[in-house]
Amino acid sequence: IAVDGGGMTHVVHWDKDDDRLLWAMYDGNEWTKF
């Protein structure tokens, strides 16, 4: 996890089942996931 200069929270992790790197960002109201 890391918090950027604008206060957005970022989370990354490994999706073991699909062998891919996932990222999510929280703006205080909802998560954006890619």
PDB file of all heavy atoms in Angstrom:
ATOM      1  N   ILE A   1       0.829  -1.190   0.000  1.00  0.00           N
ATOM      2  CA  ILE A   1       0.000   0.000   0.000  1.00  0.00           C
ATOM      3  C   ILE A   1       0.874   1.256   0.000  1.00  0.00           C
ATOM      4  O   ILE A   1       1.984   1.249   0.541  1.00  0.00           O
ATOM      5  CB  ILE A   1      -0.953   0.001   1.222  1.00  0.00           C
ATOM      6  CG1 ILE A   1      -1.972   1.124   1.147  1.00  0.00           C
ATOM      7  CG2 ILE A   1      -0.171   0.067   2.519  1.00  0.00           C
ATOM      8  CD1 ILE A   1      -3.070   1.010   2.189  1.00  0.00           C
ATOM      9  N   ALA A   2       0.382   2.332  -0.630  1.00  0.00           N
ATOM     10  CA  ALA A   2       1.055   3.635  -0.607  1.00  0.00           C
ATOM     11  C   ALA A   2       0.006   4.717  -0.773  1.00  0.00           C
ATOM     12  O   ALA A   2      -1.045   4.498  -1.381  1.00  0.00           O
ATOM     13  CB  ALA A   2       2.108   3.740  -1.711  1.00  0.00           C
ATOM     14  N   VAL A   3       0.293   5.903  -0.236  1.00  0.00           N
ATOM     15  CA  VAL A   3      -0.585   7.064  -0.365  1.00  0.00           C
ATOM     16  C   VAL A   3       0.157   8.125  -1.166  1.00  0.00           C
ATOM     17  O   VAL A   3       1.311   8.452  -0.864  1.00  0.00           O
ATOM     18  CB  VAL A   3      -0.990   7.618   1.010  1.00  0.00           C
ATOM     19  CG1 VAL A   3      -1.870   8.855   0.850  1.00  0.00           C
ATOM     20  CG2 VAL A   3      -1.709   6.547   1.823  1.00  0.00           C
ATOM     21  N   ASP A   4      -0.483   8.656  -2.215  1.00  0.00           N
ATOM     22  CA  ASP A   4       0.191   9.624  -3.068  1.00  0.00           C
ATOM     23  C   ASP A   4       0.079  11.040  -2.514  1.00  0.00           C
ATOM     24  O   ASP A   4      -0.531  11.281  -1.461  1.00  0.00           O
ATOM     25  CB  ASP A   4      -0.306   9.530  -4.518  1.00  0.00           C
ATOM     26  CG  ASP A   4      -1.751   9.984  -4.703  1.00  0.00           C
ATOM     27  OD1 ASP A   4      -2.252  10.785  -3.900  1.00  0.00           O
ATOM     28  OD2 ASP A   4      -2.380   9.528  -5.690  1.00  0.00           O
ATOM     29  N   GLY A   5       0.677  12.006  -3.231  1.00  0.00           N
ATOM     30  CA  GLY A   5       0.709  13.379  -2.760  1.00  0.00           C
ATOM     31  C   GLY A   5      -0.646  14.049  -2.677  1.00  0.00           C
ATOM     32  O   GLY A   5      -0.811  15.046  -1.976  1.00  0.00           O
ATOM     33  N   GLY A   6      -1.638  13.493  -3.380  1.00  0.00           N
ATOM     34  CA  GLY A   6      -2.985  14.027  -3.330  1.00  0.00           C
ATOM     35  C   GLY A   6      -3.886  13.341  -2.332  1.00  0.00           C
ATOM     36  O   GLY A   6      -5.079  13.631  -2.268  1.00  0.00           O
ATOM     37  N   GLY A   7      -3.325  12.426  -1.554  1.00  0.00           N
ATOM     38  CA  GLY A   7      -4.093  11.720  -0.538  1.00  0.00           C
ATOM     39  C   GLY A   7      -4.807  10.482  -1.035  1.00  0.00           C
ATOM     40  O   GLY A   7      -5.557   9.862  -0.273  1.00  0.00           O
ATOM     41  N   MET A   8      -4.582  10.089  -2.294  1.00  0.00           N
ATOM     42  CA  MET A   8      -5.196   8.867  -2.828  1.00  0.00           C
ATOM     43  C   MET A   8      -4.457   7.634  -2.312  1.00  0.00           C
ATOM     44  O   MET A   8      -3.219   7.607  -2.283  1.00  0.00           O
ATOM     45  CB  MET A   8      -5.167   8.859  -4.355  1.00  0.00           C
ATOM     46  CG  MET A   8      -5.806  10.062  -4.995  1.00  0.00           C
ATOM     47  SD  MET A   8      -7.590  10.090  -4.742  1.00  0.00           S
ATOM     48  CE  MET A   8      -8.032  11.447  -5.826  1.00  0.00           C
ATOM     49  N   THR A   9      -5.218   6.621  -1.941  1.00  0.00           N
ATOM     50  CA  THR A   9      -4.641   5.370  -1.452  1.00  0.00           C
ATOM     51  C   THR A   9      -4.513   4.380  -2.607  1.00  0.00           C
ATOM     52  O   THR A   9      -5.478   4.131  -3.329  1.00  0.00           O
ATOM     53  CB  THR A   9      -5.514   4.757  -0.352  1.00  0.00           C
ATOM     54  OG1 THR A   9      -5.627   5.690   0.727  1.00  0.00           O
ATOM     55  CG2 THR A   9      -4.911   3.466   0.172  1.00  0.00           C
ATOM     56  N   HIS A  10      -3.324   3.801  -2.762  1.00  0.00           N
ATOM     57  CA  HIS A  10      -3.057   2.820  -3.805  1.00  0.00           C
ATOM     58  C   HIS A  10      -2.732   1.480  -3.156  1.00  0.00           C
ATOM     59  O   HIS A  10      -1.981   1.426  -2.183  1.00  0.00           O
ATOM     60  CB  HIS A  10      -1.870   3.245  -4.671  1.00  0.00           C
ATOM     61  CG  HIS A  10      -2.043   4.565  -5.349  1.00  0.00           C
ATOM     62  ND1 HIS A  10      -2.282   4.681  -6.713  1.00  0.00           N
ATOM     63  CD2 HIS A  10      -2.016   5.829  -4.863  1.00  0.00           C
ATOM     64  CE1 HIS A  10      -2.382   5.959  -7.025  1.00  0.00           C
ATOM     65  NE2 HIS A  10      -2.221   6.677  -5.925  1.00  0.00           N
ATOM     66  N   VAL A  11      -3.280   0.400  -3.719  1.00  0.00           N
ATOM     67  CA  VAL A  11      -3.012  -0.962  -3.246  1.00  0.00           C
ATOM     68  C   VAL A  11      -2.676  -1.831  -4.449  1.00  0.00           C
ATOM     69  O   VAL A  11      -3.347  -1.750  -5.487  1.00  0.00           O
ATOM     70  CB  VAL A  11      -4.238  -1.554  -2.508  1.00  0.00           C
ATOM     71  CG1 VAL A  11      -3.962  -2.994  -2.081  1.00  0.00           C
ATOM     72  CG2 VAL A  11      -4.618  -0.714  -1.305  1.00  0.00           C
ATOM     73  N   VAL A  12      -1.642  -2.669  -4.321  1.00  0.00           N
ATOM     74  CA  VAL A  12      -1.304  -3.634  -5.373  1.00  0.00           C
ATOM     75  C   VAL A  12      -1.167  -5.013  -4.745  1.00  0.00           C
ATOM     76  O   VAL A  12      -0.810  -5.145  -3.576  1.00  0.00           O
ATOM     77  CB  VAL A  12      -0.002  -3.274  -6.115  1.00  0.00           C
ATOM     78  CG1 VAL A  12      -0.166  -2.006  -6.922  1.00  0.00           C
ATOM     79  CG2 VAL A  12       1.183  -3.186  -5.172  1.00  0.00           C
ATOM     80  N   HIS A  13      -1.441  -6.040  -5.531  1.00  0.00           N
ATOM     81  CA  HIS A  13      -1.205  -7.403  -5.073  1.00  0.00           C
ATOM     82  C   HIS A  13      -1.202  -8.361  -6.251  1.00  0.00           C
ATOM     83  O   HIS A  13      -1.635  -8.020  -7.365  1.00  0.00           O
ATOM     84  CB  HIS A  13      -2.239  -7.833  -4.030  1.00  0.00           C
ATOM     85  CG  HIS A  13      -3.602  -8.089  -4.594  1.00  0.00           C
ATOM     86  ND1 HIS A  13      -4.046  -9.337  -4.949  1.00  0.00           N
ATOM     87  CD2 HIS A  13      -4.626  -7.251  -4.880  1.00  0.00           C
ATOM     88  CE1 HIS A  13      -5.274  -9.257  -5.423  1.00  0.00           C
ATOM     89  NE2 HIS A  13      -5.653  -8.002  -5.389  1.00  0.00           N
ATOM     90  N   TRP A  14      -0.708  -9.546  -5.999  1.00  0.00           N
ATOM     91  CA  TRP A  14      -0.641 -10.596  -6.996  1.00  0.00           C
ATOM     92  C   TRP A  14      -1.909 -11.442  -6.949  1.00  0.00           C
ATOM     93  O   TRP A  14      -2.272 -11.970  -5.907  1.00  0.00           O
ATOM     94  CB  TRP A  14       0.576 -11.471  -6.736  1.00  0.00           C
ATOM     95  CG  TRP A  14       0.767 -12.636  -7.663  1.00  0.00           C
ATOM     96  CD1 TRP A  14       0.626 -12.647  -9.016  1.00  0.00           C
ATOM     97  CD2 TRP A  14       1.157 -13.963  -7.287  1.00  0.00           C
ATOM     98  NE1 TRP A  14       0.916 -13.887  -9.530  1.00  0.00           N
ATOM     99  CE2 TRP A  14       1.247 -14.724  -8.490  1.00  0.00           C
ATOM    100  CE3 TRP A  14       1.465 -14.578  -6.084  1.00  0.00           C
ATOM    101  CZ2 TRP A  14       1.609 -16.075  -8.489  1.00  0.00           C
ATOM    102  CZ3 TRP A  14       1.830 -15.910  -6.089  1.00  0.00           C
ATOM    103  CH2 TRP A  14       1.899 -16.636  -7.284  1.00  0.00           C
ATOM    104  N   ASP A  15      -2.594 -11.540  -8.080  1.00  0.00           N
ATOM    105  CA  ASP A  15      -3.725 -12.447  -8.226  1.00  0.00           C
ATOM    106  C   ASP A  15      -3.152 -13.802  -8.638  1.00  0.00           C
ATOM    107  O   ASP A  15      -2.845 -14.036  -9.808  1.00  0.00           O
ATOM    108  CB  ASP A  15      -4.673 -11.913  -9.301  1.00  0.00           C
ATOM    109  CG  ASP A  15      -5.889 -12.811  -9.521  1.00  0.00           C
ATOM    110  OD1 ASP A  15      -5.894 -13.951  -9.011  1.00  0.00           O
ATOM    111  OD2 ASP A  15      -6.820 -12.385 -10.219  1.00  0.00           O
ATOM    112  N   LYS A  16      -2.989 -14.678  -7.662  1.00  0.00           N
ATOM    113  CA  LYS A  16      -2.306 -15.949  -7.903  1.00  0.00           C
ATOM    114  C   LYS A  16      -3.060 -16.826  -8.894  1.00  0.00           C
ATOM    115  O   LYS A  16      -2.453 -17.484  -9.755  1.00  0.00           O
ATOM    116  CB  LYS A  16      -2.120 -16.701  -6.579  1.00  0.00           C
ATOM    117  CG  LYS A  16      -1.368 -18.014  -6.706  1.00  0.00           C
ATOM    118  CD  LYS A  16      -1.176 -18.668  -5.347  1.00  0.00           C
ATOM    119  CE  LYS A  16      -0.426 -19.980  -5.460  1.00  0.00           C
ATOM    120  NZ  LYS A  16      -0.257 -20.609  -4.121  1.00  0.00           N
ATOM    121  N   ASP A  17      -4.384 -16.854  -8.808  1.00  0.00           N
ATOM    122  CA  ASP A  17      -5.174 -17.723  -9.682  1.00  0.00           C
ATOM    123  C   ASP A  17      -4.986 -17.380 -11.155  1.00  0.00           C
ATOM    124  O   ASP A  17      -4.866 -18.268 -12.000  1.00  0.00           O
ATOM    125  CB  ASP A  17      -6.656 -17.638  -9.312  1.00  0.00           C
ATOM    126  CG  ASP A  17      -6.956 -18.276  -7.972  1.00  0.00           C
ATOM    127  OD1 ASP A  17      -6.139 -19.090  -7.507  1.00  0.00           O
ATOM    128  OD2 ASP A  17      -8.002 -17.940  -7.382  1.00  0.00           O
ATOM    129  N   ASP A  18      -4.963 -16.091 -11.478  1.00  0.00           N
ATOM    130  CA  ASP A  18      -4.824 -15.657 -12.869  1.00  0.00           C
ATOM    131  C   ASP A  18      -3.413 -15.187 -13.196  1.00  0.00           C
ATOM    132  O   ASP A  18      -3.160 -14.752 -14.326  1.00  0.00           O
ATOM    133  CB  ASP A  18      -5.818 -14.532 -13.167  1.00  0.00           C
ATOM    134  CG  ASP A  18      -7.261 -15.004 -13.115  1.00  0.00           C
ATOM    135  OD1 ASP A  18      -7.512 -16.167 -13.473  1.00  0.00           O
ATOM    136  OD2 ASP A  18      -8.126 -14.210 -12.703  1.00  0.00           O
ATOM    137  N   ASP A  19      -2.502 -15.269 -12.229  1.00  0.00           N
ATOM    138  CA  ASP A  19      -1.107 -14.849 -12.388  1.00  0.00           C
ATOM    139  C   ASP A  19      -1.034 -13.473 -13.038  1.00  0.00           C
ATOM    140  O   ASP A  19      -0.521 -13.287 -14.147  1.00  0.00           O
ATOM    141  CB  ASP A  19      -0.312 -15.869 -13.217  1.00  0.00           C
ATOM    142  CG  ASP A  19       1.181 -15.537 -13.227  1.00  0.00           C
ATOM    143  OD1 ASP A  19       1.669 -14.998 -12.228  1.00  0.00           O
ATOM    144  OD2 ASP A  19       1.851 -15.817 -14.248  1.00  0.00           O
ATOM    145  N   ARG A  20      -1.519 -12.470 -12.323  1.00  0.00           N
ATOM    146  CA  ARG A  20      -1.491 -11.093 -12.819  1.00  0.00           C
ATOM    147  C   ARG A  20      -1.340 -10.141 -11.642  1.00  0.00           C
ATOM    148  O   ARG A  20      -1.638 -10.483 -10.490  1.00  0.00           O
ATOM    149  CB  ARG A  20      -2.764 -10.766 -13.600  1.00  0.00           C
ATOM    150  CG  ARG A  20      -4.037 -10.943 -12.794  1.00  0.00           C
ATOM    151  CD  ARG A  20      -5.276 -10.575 -13.569  1.00  0.00           C
ATOM    152  NE  ARG A  20      -6.478 -10.804 -12.781  1.00  0.00           N
ATOM    153  CZ  ARG A  20      -7.651 -10.231 -13.013  1.00  0.00           C
ATOM    154  NH1 ARG A  20      -7.779  -9.381 -14.029  1.00  0.00           N
ATOM    155  NH2 ARG A  20      -8.699 -10.491 -12.247  1.00  0.00           N
ATOM    156  N   LEU A  21      -0.845  -8.945 -11.946  1.00  0.00           N
ATOM    157  CA  LEU A  21      -0.673  -7.902 -10.945  1.00  0.00           C
ATOM    158  C   LEU A  21      -1.882  -6.990 -10.973  1.00  0.00           C
ATOM    159  O   LEU A  21      -2.217  -6.425 -12.021  1.00  0.00           O
ATOM    160  CB  LEU A  21       0.593  -7.102 -11.249  1.00  0.00           C
ATOM    161  CG  LEU A  21       0.884  -5.900 -10.340  1.00  0.00           C
ATOM    162  CD1 LEU A  21       1.205  -6.360  -8.923  1.00  0.00           C
ATOM    163  CD2 LEU A  21       2.037  -5.069 -10.914  1.00  0.00           C
ATOM    164  N   LEU A  22      -2.539  -6.832  -9.827  1.00  0.00           N
ATOM    165  CA  LEU A  22      -3.736  -5.996  -9.729  1.00  0.00           C
ATOM    166  C   LEU A  22      -3.433  -4.732  -8.933  1.00  0.00           C
ATOM    167  O   LEU A  22      -2.657  -4.751  -7.973  1.00  0.00           O
ATOM    168  CB  LEU A  22      -4.874  -6.765  -9.054  1.00  0.00           C
ATOM    169  CG  LEU A  22      -5.369  -8.017  -9.781  1.00  0.00           C
ATOM    170  CD1 LEU A  22      -6.515  -8.645  -9.004  1.00  0.00           C
ATOM    171  CD2 LEU A  22      -5.802  -7.689 -11.212  1.00  0.00           C
ATOM    172  N   TRP A  23      -4.067  -3.644  -9.334  1.00  0.00           N
ATOM    173  CA  TRP A  23      -3.919  -2.343  -8.680  1.00  0.00           C
ATOM    174  C   TRP A  23      -5.295  -1.764  -8.413  1.00  0.00           C
ATOM    175  O   TRP A  23      -6.226  -1.924  -9.207  1.00  0.00           O
ATOM    176  CB  TRP A  23      -3.132  -1.411  -9.596  1.00  0.00           C
ATOM    177  CG  TRP A  23      -3.207   0.049  -9.240  1.00  0.00           C
ATOM    178  CD1 TRP A  23      -2.470   0.723  -8.316  1.00  0.00           C
ATOM    179  CD2 TRP A  23      -4.061   1.035  -9.839  1.00  0.00           C
ATOM    180  NE1 TRP A  23      -2.802   2.053  -8.301  1.00  0.00           N
ATOM    181  CE2 TRP A  23      -3.779   2.278  -9.229  1.00  0.00           C
ATOM    182  CE3 TRP A  23      -5.038   0.983 -10.843  1.00  0.00           C
ATOM    183  CZ2 TRP A  23      -4.448   3.449  -9.583  1.00  0.00           C
ATOM    184  CZ3 TRP A  23      -5.701   2.152 -11.188  1.00  0.00           C
ATOM    185  CH2 TRP A  23      -5.398   3.367 -10.565  1.00  0.00           C
ATOM    186  N   ALA A  24      -5.414  -1.094  -7.275  1.00  0.00           N
ATOM    187  CA  ALA A  24      -6.649  -0.389  -6.948  1.00  0.00           C
ATOM    188  C   ALA A  24      -6.293   0.956  -6.322  1.00  0.00           C
ATOM    189  O   ALA A  24      -5.285   1.081  -5.617  1.00  0.00           O
ATOM    190  CB  ALA A  24      -7.507  -1.208  -5.989  1.00  0.00           C
ATOM    191  N   MET A  25      -7.139   1.976  -6.567  1.00  0.00           N
ATOM    192  CA  MET A  25      -6.936   3.300  -5.993  1.00  0.00           C
ATOM    193  C   MET A  25      -8.244   3.773  -5.369  1.00  0.00           C
ATOM    194  O   MET A  25      -9.322   3.650  -5.983  1.00  0.00           O
ATOM    195  CB  MET A  25      -6.486   4.300  -7.062  1.00  0.00           C
ATOM    196  CG  MET A  25      -6.227   5.700  -6.507  1.00  0.00           C
ATOM    197  SD  MET A  25      -5.642   6.861  -7.788  1.00  0.00           S
ATOM    198  CE  MET A  25      -7.153   7.059  -8.755  1.00  0.00           C
ATOM    199  N   TYR A  26      -8.143   4.316  -4.156  1.00  0.00           N
ATOM    200  CA  TYR A  26      -9.315   4.781  -3.420  1.00  0.00           C
ATOM    201  C   TYR A  26      -9.261   6.297  -3.293  1.00  0.00           C
ATOM    202  O   TYR A  26      -8.272   6.864  -2.804  1.00  0.00           O
ATOM    203  CB  TYR A  26      -9.334   4.141  -2.036  1.00  0.00           C
ATOM    204  CG  TYR A  26     -10.586   4.429  -1.243  1.00  0.00           C
ATOM    205  CD1 TYR A  26     -11.830   4.011  -1.698  1.00  0.00           C
ATOM    206  CD2 TYR A  26     -10.514   5.110  -0.028  1.00  0.00           C
ATOM    207  CE1 TYR A  26     -12.982   4.265  -0.965  1.00  0.00           C
ATOM    208  CE2 TYR A  26     -11.661   5.361   0.711  1.00  0.00           C
ATOM    209  CZ  TYR A  26     -12.886   4.938   0.237  1.00  0.00           C
ATOM    210  OH  TYR A  26     -14.024   5.196   0.965  1.00  0.00           O
ATOM    211  N   ASP A  27     -10.307   6.983  -3.755  1.00  0.00           N
ATOM    212  CA  ASP A  27     -10.334   8.448  -3.738  1.00  0.00           C
ATOM    213  C   ASP A  27     -11.115   9.016  -2.559  1.00  0.00           C
ATOM    214  O   ASP A  27     -11.379  10.216  -2.490  1.00  0.00           O
ATOM    215  CB  ASP A  27     -10.914   8.982  -5.048  1.00  0.00           C
ATOM    216  CG  ASP A  27     -12.378   8.570  -5.270  1.00  0.00           C
ATOM    217  OD1 ASP A  27     -12.988   7.965  -4.357  1.00  0.00           O
ATOM    218  OD2 ASP A  27     -12.899   8.850  -6.361  1.00  0.00           O
ATOM    219  N   GLY A  28     -11.474   8.157  -1.619  1.00  0.00           N
ATOM    220  CA  GLY A  28     -12.260   8.582  -0.468  1.00  0.00           C
ATOM    221  C   GLY A  28     -13.713   8.190  -0.570  1.00  0.00           C
ATOM    222  O   GLY A  28     -14.434   8.177   0.439  1.00  0.00           O
ATOM    223  N   ASN A  29     -14.157   7.841  -1.791  1.00  0.00           N
ATOM    224  CA  ASN A  29     -15.540   7.433  -2.003  1.00  0.00           C
ATOM    225  C   ASN A  29     -15.663   6.049  -2.634  1.00  0.00           C
ATOM    226  O   ASN A  29     -16.533   5.272  -2.260  1.00  0.00           O
ATOM    227  CB  ASN A  29     -16.256   8.454  -2.904  1.00  0.00           C
ATOM    228  CG  ASN A  29     -16.383   9.811  -2.250  1.00  0.00           C
ATOM    229  OD1 ASN A  29     -16.929   9.927  -1.158  1.00  0.00           O
ATOM    230  ND2 ASN A  29     -15.874  10.842  -2.910  1.00  0.00           N
ATOM    231  N   GLU A  30     -14.800   5.741  -3.587  1.00  0.00           N
ATOM    232  CA  GLU A  30     -14.895   4.458  -4.263  1.00  0.00           C
ATOM    233  C   GLU A  30     -13.527   4.016  -4.762  1.00  0.00           C
ATOM    234  O   GLU A  30     -12.591   4.813  -4.871  1.00  0.00           O
ATOM    235  CB  GLU A  30     -15.858   4.538  -5.449  1.00  0.00           C
ATOM    236  CG  GLU A  30     -15.458   5.544  -6.514  1.00  0.00           C
ATOM    237  CD  GLU A  30     -16.469   5.634  -7.642  1.00  0.00           C
ATOM    238  OE1 GLU A  30     -17.469   4.899  -7.587  1.00  0.00           O
ATOM    239  OE2 GLU A  30     -16.238   6.421  -8.583  1.00  0.00           O
ATOM    240  N   TRP A  31     -13.438   2.725  -5.079  1.00  0.00           N
ATOM    241  CA  TRP A  31     -12.220   2.129  -5.589  1.00  0.00           C
ATOM    242  C   TRP A  31     -12.250   2.068  -7.117  1.00  0.00           C
ATOM    243  O   TRP A  31     -13.254   1.714  -7.711  1.00  0.00           O
ATOM    244  CB  TRP A  31     -12.045   0.701  -5.060  1.00  0.00           C
ATOM    245  CG  TRP A  31     -11.657   0.638  -3.623  1.00  0.00           C
ATOM    246  CD1 TRP A  31     -12.482   0.458  -2.554  1.00  0.00           C
ATOM    247  CD2 TRP A  31     -10.336   0.754  -3.096  1.00  0.00           C
ATOM    248  NE1 TRP A  31     -11.764   0.451  -1.387  1.00  0.00           N
ATOM    249  CE2 TRP A  31     -10.443   0.635  -1.691  1.00  0.00           C
ATOM    250  CE3 TRP A  31      -9.084   0.952  -3.674  1.00  0.00           C
ATOM    251  CZ2 TRP A  31      -9.332   0.708  -0.855  1.00  0.00           C
ATOM    252  CZ3 TRP A  31      -7.979   1.017  -2.839  1.00  0.00           C
ATOM    253  CH2 TRP A  31      -8.103   0.897  -1.454  1.00  0.00           C
ATOM    254  N   THR A  32     -11.110   2.419  -7.708  1.00  0.00           N
ATOM    255  CA  THR A  32     -10.867   2.185  -9.129  1.00  0.00           C
ATOM    256  C   THR A  32      -9.894   1.019  -9.227  1.00  0.00           C
ATOM    257  O   THR A  32      -8.847   1.035  -8.580  1.00  0.00           O
ATOM    258  CB  THR A  32     -10.239   3.418  -9.801  1.00  0.00           C
ATOM    259  OG1 THR A  32     -11.130   4.521  -9.660  1.00  0.00           O
ATOM    260  CG2 THR A  32      -9.973   3.165 -11.274  1.00  0.00           C
ATOM    261  N   LYS A  33     -10.233  -0.015 -10.017  1.00  0.00           N
ATOM    262  CA  LYS A  33      -9.418  -1.226 -10.073  1.00  0.00           C
ATOM    263  C   LYS A  33      -9.017  -1.539 -11.507  1.00  0.00           C
ATOM    264  O   LYS A  33      -9.832  -1.428 -12.419  1.00  0.00           O
ATOM    265  CB  LYS A  33     -10.189  -2.420  -9.496  1.00  0.00           C
ATOM    266  CG  LYS A  33     -10.775  -2.183  -8.113  1.00  0.00           C
ATOM    267  CD  LYS A  33     -11.652  -3.349  -7.691  1.00  0.00           C
ATOM    268  CE  LYS A  33     -12.528  -2.991  -6.523  1.00  0.00           C
ATOM    269  NZ  LYS A  33     -13.468  -4.078  -6.173  1.00  0.00           N
ATOM    270  N   PHE A  34      -7.753  -1.936 -11.681  1.00  0.00           N
ATOM    271  CA  PHE A  34      -7.241  -2.305 -12.989  1.00  0.00           C
ATOM    272  C   PHE A  34      -6.252  -3.455 -12.868  1.00  0.00           C
ATOM    273  O   PHE A  34      -5.677  -3.686 -11.801  1.00  0.00           O
ATOM    274  CB  PHE A  34      -6.522  -1.129 -13.664  1.00  0.00           C
ATOM    275  CG  PHE A  34      -7.422  -0.074 -14.227  1.00  0.00           C
ATOM    276  CD1 PHE A  34      -7.637   1.106 -13.535  1.00  0.00           C
ATOM    277  CD2 PHE A  34      -8.054  -0.255 -15.443  1.00  0.00           C
ATOM    278  CE1 PHE A  34      -8.466   2.089 -14.044  1.00  0.00           C
ATOM    279  CE2 PHE A  34      -8.885   0.719 -15.965  1.00  0.00           C
ATOM    280  CZ  PHE A  34      -9.083   1.896 -15.266  1.00  0.00           C
TER     281      PHE A  34
END
